Amino acid sequence: MNSAPSFFRALGDDTRWRIVRLVVDRALCVCELADILGMPQSSVSSHVQIIRKAGLLESERCGKWTYFRIHRKHLPLLTHLIETLPSDPNHKTDLKKAKARLKDRESSCCPGPIKLSTP
């Protein structure tokens, strides 16, 4: 974590909180996140960069895709926050979309991560 303000800035936006919750236990690329969230890739990429600059993400480059997942050292804290804070009304829908998107990963443009595929 770079600093407390950057940490809380990364988590202090609804979209970034949704992204954090999605990549807490799976690695996703920006195009997958954009599909799940129903947002333009450029917007999702901007949000991901704020989370990344706060030091919350680890990444893996596979060809032209970069996959992101919460950095392992932050998992205990973020898991605690997720369990403690009120549930996000979008989270169940996001999880359903993520599950469907990952099921189609083999036939999509995204090859999937290798290193970050295991928790």
N, C-alpha and C. Protein backbone atom coordinates (compact mmCIF):
# COMPACT_ATOMS: atom_id res chain seq x y z
N MET A 1 0.86 -1.17 0.00
CA MET A 1 0.00 0.00 0.00
C MET A 1 0.90 1.23 0.00
N ASN A 2 0.63 2.13 -0.90
CA ASN A 2 1.45 3.33 -1.01
C ASN A 2 1.20 4.31 0.12
N SER A 3 -0.07 4.56 0.44
CA SER A 3 -0.42 5.46 1.53
C SER A 3 -1.88 5.23 1.89
N ALA A 4 -2.23 5.61 3.10
CA ALA A 4 -3.62 5.45 3.52
C ALA A 4 -4.57 6.24 2.61
N PRO A 5 -4.26 7.50 2.25
CA PRO A 5 -5.19 8.21 1.36
C PRO A 5 -5.38 7.53 0.00
N SER A 6 -4.30 7.00 -0.60
CA SER A 6 -4.47 6.33 -1.90
C SER A 6 -5.24 5.02 -1.74
N PHE A 7 -5.04 4.32 -0.61
CA PHE A 7 -5.78 3.10 -0.31
C PHE A 7 -7.28 3.40 -0.24
N PHE A 8 -7.65 4.40 0.56
CA PHE A 8 -9.06 4.72 0.74
C PHE A 8 -9.66 5.36 -0.51
N ARG A 9 -8.85 6.09 -1.27
CA ARG A 9 -9.33 6.64 -2.55
C ARG A 9 -9.66 5.49 -3.49
N ALA A 10 -8.83 4.46 -3.51
CA ALA A 10 -9.06 3.31 -4.38
C ALA A 10 -10.35 2.59 -4.03
N LEU A 11 -10.69 2.56 -2.76
CA LEU A 11 -11.90 1.86 -2.32
C LEU A 11 -13.12 2.76 -2.22
N GLY A 12 -12.92 4.07 -2.32
CA GLY A 12 -13.98 5.03 -2.04
C GLY A 12 -14.89 5.38 -3.20
N ASP A 13 -14.89 4.57 -4.22
CA ASP A 13 -15.74 4.81 -5.38
C ASP A 13 -16.55 3.53 -5.63
N ASP A 14 -17.83 3.66 -5.96
CA ASP A 14 -18.68 2.49 -6.16
C ASP A 14 -18.13 1.53 -7.21
N THR A 15 -17.69 2.06 -8.33
CA THR A 15 -17.16 1.20 -9.40
C THR A 15 -15.89 0.51 -8.96
N ARG A 16 -14.99 1.24 -8.32
CA ARG A 16 -13.74 0.62 -7.87
C ARG A 16 -14.00 -0.43 -6.81
N TRP A 17 -14.97 -0.19 -5.93
CA TRP A 17 -15.32 -1.19 -4.91
C TRP A 17 -15.87 -2.44 -5.59
N ARG A 18 -16.67 -2.28 -6.64
CA ARG A 18 -17.18 -3.43 -7.38
C ARG A 18 -16.03 -4.20 -8.03
N ILE A 19 -15.06 -3.48 -8.60
CA ILE A 19 -13.90 -4.13 -9.22
C ILE A 19 -13.11 -4.90 -8.16
N VAL A 20 -12.86 -4.27 -7.03
CA VAL A 20 -12.12 -4.94 -5.95
C VAL A 20 -12.82 -6.22 -5.55
N ARG A 21 -14.12 -6.15 -5.38
CA ARG A 21 -14.87 -7.36 -4.97
C ARG A 21 -14.78 -8.45 -6.04
N LEU A 22 -14.74 -8.06 -7.31
CA LEU A 22 -14.65 -9.05 -8.38
C LEU A 22 -13.28 -9.72 -8.47
N VAL A 23 -12.23 -8.96 -8.19
CA VAL A 23 -10.88 -9.53 -8.34
C VAL A 23 -10.27 -9.99 -7.02
N VAL A 24 -11.10 -10.09 -5.99
CA VAL A 24 -10.58 -10.55 -4.70
C VAL A 24 -10.23 -12.04 -4.76
N ASP A 25 -10.94 -12.81 -5.57
CA ASP A 25 -10.65 -14.24 -5.62
C ASP A 25 -10.55 -14.79 -7.03
N ARG A 26 -10.39 -13.91 -8.02
CA ARG A 26 -10.20 -14.34 -9.39
C ARG A 26 -9.45 -13.26 -10.15
N ALA A 27 -8.67 -13.65 -11.12
CA ALA A 27 -7.96 -12.69 -11.96
C ALA A 27 -8.79 -12.40 -13.20
N LEU A 28 -8.96 -11.12 -13.49
CA LEU A 28 -9.73 -10.69 -14.65
C LEU A 28 -8.97 -9.62 -15.40
N CYS A 29 -9.18 -9.57 -16.71
CA CYS A 29 -8.58 -8.50 -17.50
C CYS A 29 -9.59 -7.36 -17.64
N VAL A 30 -9.15 -6.25 -18.17
CA VAL A 30 -10.01 -5.07 -18.28
C VAL A 30 -11.21 -5.35 -19.18
N CYS A 31 -11.02 -6.09 -20.28
CA CYS A 31 -12.17 -6.33 -21.16
C CYS A 31 -13.21 -7.20 -20.46
N GLU A 32 -12.77 -8.15 -19.63
CA GLU A 32 -13.72 -8.96 -18.87
C GLU A 32 -14.45 -8.11 -17.84
N LEU A 33 -13.72 -7.26 -17.14
CA LEU A 33 -14.35 -6.37 -16.16
C LEU A 33 -15.35 -5.44 -16.84
N ALA A 34 -14.99 -4.93 -18.02
CA ALA A 34 -15.88 -4.03 -18.75
C ALA A 34 -17.18 -4.75 -19.13
N ASP A 35 -17.06 -6.00 -19.58
CA ASP A 35 -18.26 -6.78 -19.92
C ASP A 35 -19.13 -7.00 -18.68
N ILE A 36 -18.52 -7.36 -17.58
CA ILE A 36 -19.25 -7.66 -16.35
C ILE A 36 -19.95 -6.41 -15.82
N LEU A 37 -19.24 -5.29 -15.83
CA LEU A 37 -19.77 -4.04 -15.28
C LEU A 37 -20.64 -3.26 -16.26
N GLY A 38 -20.59 -3.64 -17.53
CA GLY A 38 -21.37 -2.92 -18.54
C GLY A 38 -20.87 -1.51 -18.76
N MET A 39 -19.54 -1.37 -18.77
CA MET A 39 -18.92 -0.05 -18.91
C MET A 39 -17.89 -0.08 -20.04
N PRO A 40 -17.52 1.08 -20.58
CA PRO A 40 -16.46 1.12 -21.59
C PRO A 40 -15.12 0.69 -20.99
N GLN A 41 -14.31 0.02 -21.80
CA GLN A 41 -13.01 -0.43 -21.33
C GLN A 41 -12.14 0.72 -20.84
N SER A 42 -12.23 1.87 -21.49
CA SER A 42 -11.40 3.01 -21.08
C SER A 42 -11.74 3.45 -19.65
N SER A 43 -13.02 3.45 -19.31
CA SER A 43 -13.43 3.83 -17.94
C SER A 43 -12.95 2.80 -16.93
N VAL A 44 -13.13 1.53 -17.26
CA VAL A 44 -12.69 0.46 -16.36
C VAL A 44 -11.18 0.53 -16.18
N SER A 45 -10.46 0.75 -17.26
CA SER A 45 -9.00 0.84 -17.20
C SER A 45 -8.56 1.97 -16.27
N SER A 46 -9.23 3.10 -16.33
CA SER A 46 -8.90 4.22 -15.44
C SER A 46 -9.11 3.85 -13.98
N HIS A 47 -10.20 3.17 -13.69
CA HIS A 47 -10.46 2.73 -12.32
C HIS A 47 -9.42 1.70 -11.86
N VAL A 48 -9.09 0.76 -12.74
CA VAL A 48 -8.10 -0.26 -12.40
C VAL A 48 -6.75 0.39 -12.09
N GLN A 49 -6.39 1.41 -12.83
CA GLN A 49 -5.10 2.06 -12.59
C GLN A 49 -5.05 2.75 -11.23
N ILE A 50 -6.15 3.30 -10.79
CA ILE A 50 -6.19 3.92 -9.45
C ILE A 50 -6.01 2.84 -8.38
N ILE A 51 -6.67 1.71 -8.56
CA ILE A 51 -6.53 0.59 -7.61
C ILE A 51 -5.11 0.05 -7.64
N ARG A 52 -4.55 -0.07 -8.84
CA ARG A 52 -3.18 -0.58 -9.00
C ARG A 52 -2.16 0.37 -8.36
N LYS A 53 -2.31 1.66 -8.59
CA LYS A 53 -1.37 2.64 -8.04
C LYS A 53 -1.43 2.68 -6.51
N ALA A 54 -2.56 2.29 -5.95
CA ALA A 54 -2.67 2.21 -4.49
C ALA A 54 -1.97 0.96 -3.94
N GLY A 55 -1.48 0.10 -4.84
CA GLY A 55 -0.75 -1.09 -4.43
C GLY A 55 -1.63 -2.27 -4.08
N LEU A 56 -2.90 -2.23 -4.46
CA LEU A 56 -3.83 -3.29 -4.09
C LEU A 56 -3.86 -4.46 -5.07
N LEU A 57 -3.30 -4.28 -6.26
CA LEU A 57 -3.40 -5.32 -7.28
C LEU A 57 -2.06 -5.94 -7.63
N GLU A 58 -2.11 -7.22 -7.92
CA GLU A 58 -0.99 -7.87 -8.58
C GLU A 58 -1.46 -8.15 -9.99
N SER A 59 -0.52 -8.26 -10.92
CA SER A 59 -0.92 -8.42 -12.31
C SER A 59 -0.05 -9.46 -13.01
N GLU A 60 -0.59 -9.94 -14.11
CA GLU A 60 0.12 -10.90 -14.95
C GLU A 60 -0.18 -10.55 -16.40
N ARG A 61 0.87 -10.41 -17.17
CA ARG A 61 0.71 -10.11 -18.59
C ARG A 61 0.73 -11.43 -19.37
N CYS A 62 -0.28 -11.63 -20.20
CA CYS A 62 -0.37 -12.81 -21.08
C CYS A 62 -0.66 -12.29 -22.48
N GLY A 63 0.35 -12.26 -23.32
CA GLY A 63 0.18 -11.69 -24.65
C GLY A 63 -0.15 -10.21 -24.53
N LYS A 64 -1.24 -9.79 -25.16
CA LYS A 64 -1.61 -8.37 -25.09
C LYS A 64 -2.56 -8.08 -23.93
N TRP A 65 -2.90 -9.08 -23.12
CA TRP A 65 -3.81 -8.90 -22.00
C TRP A 65 -3.05 -8.84 -20.69
N THR A 66 -3.55 -8.05 -19.77
CA THR A 66 -3.02 -8.02 -18.42
C THR A 66 -4.17 -8.37 -17.48
N TYR A 67 -3.91 -9.35 -16.62
CA TYR A 67 -4.91 -9.81 -15.66
C TYR A 67 -4.57 -9.24 -14.29
N PHE A 68 -5.62 -8.89 -13.56
CA PHE A 68 -5.46 -8.27 -12.25
C PHE A 68 -6.20 -9.07 -11.20
N ARG A 69 -5.59 -9.13 -10.03
CA ARG A 69 -6.21 -9.76 -8.86
C ARG A 69 -5.68 -9.02 -7.64
N ILE A 70 -6.48 -9.03 -6.56
CA ILE A 70 -6.04 -8.38 -5.33
C ILE A 70 -4.73 -9.02 -4.88
N HIS A 71 -3.80 -8.17 -4.50
CA HIS A 71 -2.51 -8.65 -4.00
C HIS A 71 -2.74 -9.47 -2.74
N ARG A 72 -2.07 -10.60 -2.66
CA ARG A 72 -2.28 -11.54 -1.55
C ARG A 72 -2.10 -10.91 -0.18
N LYS A 73 -1.18 -9.97 -0.08
CA LYS A 73 -0.94 -9.37 1.24
C LYS A 73 -2.12 -8.53 1.72
N HIS A 74 -3.01 -8.13 0.80
CA HIS A 74 -4.18 -7.32 1.17
C HIS A 74 -5.45 -8.15 1.34
N LEU A 75 -5.38 -9.44 1.03
CA LEU A 75 -6.58 -10.28 1.11
C LEU A 75 -7.21 -10.31 2.50
N PRO A 76 -6.45 -10.51 3.58
CA PRO A 76 -7.10 -10.55 4.90
C PRO A 76 -7.87 -9.28 5.23
N LEU A 77 -7.27 -8.13 4.98
CA LEU A 77 -7.93 -6.86 5.28
C LEU A 77 -9.17 -6.67 4.41
N LEU A 78 -9.03 -6.89 3.11
CA LEU A 78 -10.16 -6.67 2.21
C LEU A 78 -11.27 -7.69 2.45
N THR A 79 -10.92 -8.92 2.76
CA THR A 79 -11.93 -9.92 3.09
C THR A 79 -12.70 -9.49 4.33
N HIS A 80 -11.98 -8.97 5.31
CA HIS A 80 -12.64 -8.48 6.52
C HIS A 80 -13.58 -7.32 6.21
N LEU A 81 -13.13 -6.39 5.39
CA LEU A 81 -13.98 -5.25 5.00
C LEU A 81 -15.23 -5.73 4.27
N ILE A 82 -15.06 -6.66 3.35
CA ILE A 82 -16.20 -7.18 2.58
C ILE A 82 -17.21 -7.84 3.51
N GLU A 83 -16.71 -8.60 4.47
CA GLU A 83 -17.60 -9.30 5.40
C GLU A 83 -18.26 -8.35 6.39
N THR A 84 -17.59 -7.26 6.71
CA THR A 84 -18.07 -6.33 7.74
C THR A 84 -19.03 -5.28 7.20
N LEU A 85 -18.73 -4.76 6.03
CA LEU A 85 -19.55 -3.68 5.46
C LEU A 85 -20.85 -4.22 4.89
N PRO A 86 -21.86 -3.37 4.79
CA PRO A 86 -23.13 -3.82 4.18
C PRO A 86 -22.88 -4.32 2.76
N SER A 87 -23.66 -5.31 2.35
CA SER A 87 -23.44 -5.89 1.03
C SER A 87 -23.82 -4.89 -0.06
N ASP A 88 -23.10 -4.98 -1.15
CA ASP A 88 -23.32 -4.13 -2.31
C ASP A 88 -24.48 -4.73 -3.12
N PRO A 89 -25.50 -3.96 -3.44
CA PRO A 89 -26.63 -4.52 -4.18
C PRO A 89 -26.26 -5.05 -5.56
N ASN A 90 -25.16 -4.57 -6.14
CA ASN A 90 -24.73 -5.02 -7.46
C ASN A 90 -23.93 -6.31 -7.41
N HIS A 91 -23.46 -6.70 -6.24
CA HIS A 91 -22.48 -7.78 -6.16
C HIS A 91 -23.01 -9.12 -6.68
N LYS A 92 -24.21 -9.50 -6.34
CA LYS A 92 -24.75 -10.78 -6.82
C LYS A 92 -24.85 -10.81 -8.34
N THR A 93 -25.31 -9.72 -8.91
CA THR A 93 -25.39 -9.63 -10.37
C THR A 93 -24.00 -9.68 -10.99
N ASP A 94 -23.06 -8.94 -10.39
CA ASP A 94 -21.68 -8.94 -10.89
C ASP A 94 -21.09 -10.35 -10.84
N LEU A 95 -21.34 -11.08 -9.76
CA LEU A 95 -20.82 -12.45 -9.64
C LEU A 95 -21.41 -13.37 -10.70
N LYS A 96 -22.70 -13.24 -10.96
CA LYS A 96 -23.33 -14.07 -12.01
C LYS A 96 -22.71 -13.77 -13.37
N LYS A 97 -22.52 -12.49 -13.64
CA LYS A 97 -21.92 -12.09 -14.93
C LYS A 97 -20.47 -12.58 -15.01
N ALA A 98 -19.74 -12.51 -13.90
CA ALA A 98 -18.35 -12.96 -13.88
C ALA A 98 -18.28 -14.46 -14.14
N LYS A 99 -19.15 -15.20 -13.50
CA LYS A 99 -19.17 -16.65 -13.69
C LYS A 99 -19.45 -17.00 -15.15
N ALA A 100 -20.42 -16.33 -15.76
CA ALA A 100 -20.75 -16.56 -17.16
C ALA A 100 -19.59 -16.16 -18.07
N ARG A 101 -18.96 -15.02 -17.76
CA ARG A 101 -17.83 -14.54 -18.59
C ARG A 101 -16.65 -15.48 -18.48
N LEU A 102 -16.36 -15.99 -17.30
CA LEU A 102 -15.24 -16.92 -17.14
C LEU A 102 -15.53 -18.25 -17.82
N LYS A 103 -16.78 -18.66 -17.84
CA LYS A 103 -17.17 -19.90 -18.51
C LYS A 103 -16.87 -19.80 -20.01
N ASP A 104 -17.05 -18.60 -20.56
CA ASP A 104 -16.81 -18.37 -21.98
C ASP A 104 -15.39 -17.94 -22.30
N ARG A 105 -14.51 -17.91 -21.31
CA ARG A 105 -13.15 -17.40 -21.51
C ARG A 105 -12.41 -18.15 -22.61
N GLU A 106 -12.55 -19.46 -22.66
CA GLU A 106 -11.81 -20.25 -23.65
C GLU A 106 -12.18 -19.87 -25.08
N SER A 107 -13.42 -19.48 -25.31
CA SER A 107 -13.84 -19.12 -26.66
C SER A 107 -13.80 -17.61 -26.91
N SER A 108 -13.34 -16.85 -25.92
CA SER A 108 -13.28 -15.39 -26.08
C SER A 108 -11.89 -14.97 -26.52
N CYS A 109 -11.69 -13.70 -26.60
CA CYS A 109 -10.39 -13.15 -27.01
C CYS A 109 -9.34 -13.28 -25.91
N CYS A 110 -9.76 -13.48 -24.67
CA CYS A 110 -8.85 -13.48 -23.53
C CYS A 110 -8.38 -14.91 -23.21
N PRO A 111 -7.08 -15.16 -23.27
CA PRO A 111 -6.61 -16.52 -23.02
C PRO A 111 -6.67 -16.95 -21.56
N GLY A 112 -6.69 -16.01 -20.65
CA GLY A 112 -6.69 -16.32 -19.22
C GLY A 112 -5.29 -16.31 -18.65
N PRO A 113 -5.19 -16.01 -17.36
CA PRO A 113 -3.88 -15.95 -16.72
C PRO A 113 -3.32 -17.34 -16.43
N ILE A 114 -2.05 -17.40 -16.18
CA ILE A 114 -1.41 -18.67 -15.79
C ILE A 114 -1.02 -18.58 -14.33
N LYS A 115 -0.18 -17.61 -13.99
CA LYS A 115 0.33 -17.44 -12.63
C LYS A 115 -0.79 -17.06 -11.65
N LEU A 116 -1.68 -16.17 -12.05
CA LEU A 116 -2.71 -15.66 -11.15
C LEU A 116 -3.97 -16.52 -11.16
N SER A 117 -3.97 -17.62 -11.87
CA SER A 117 -5.19 -18.42 -11.94
C SER A 117 -5.46 -19.22 -10.67
N THR A 118 -4.43 -19.40 -9.85
CA THR A 118 -4.64 -20.11 -8.58
C THR A 118 -4.61 -19.11 -7.43
N PRO A 119 -5.51 -19.28 -6.47
CA PRO A 119 -5.56 -18.33 -5.35
C PRO A 119 -4.37 -18.38 -4.45
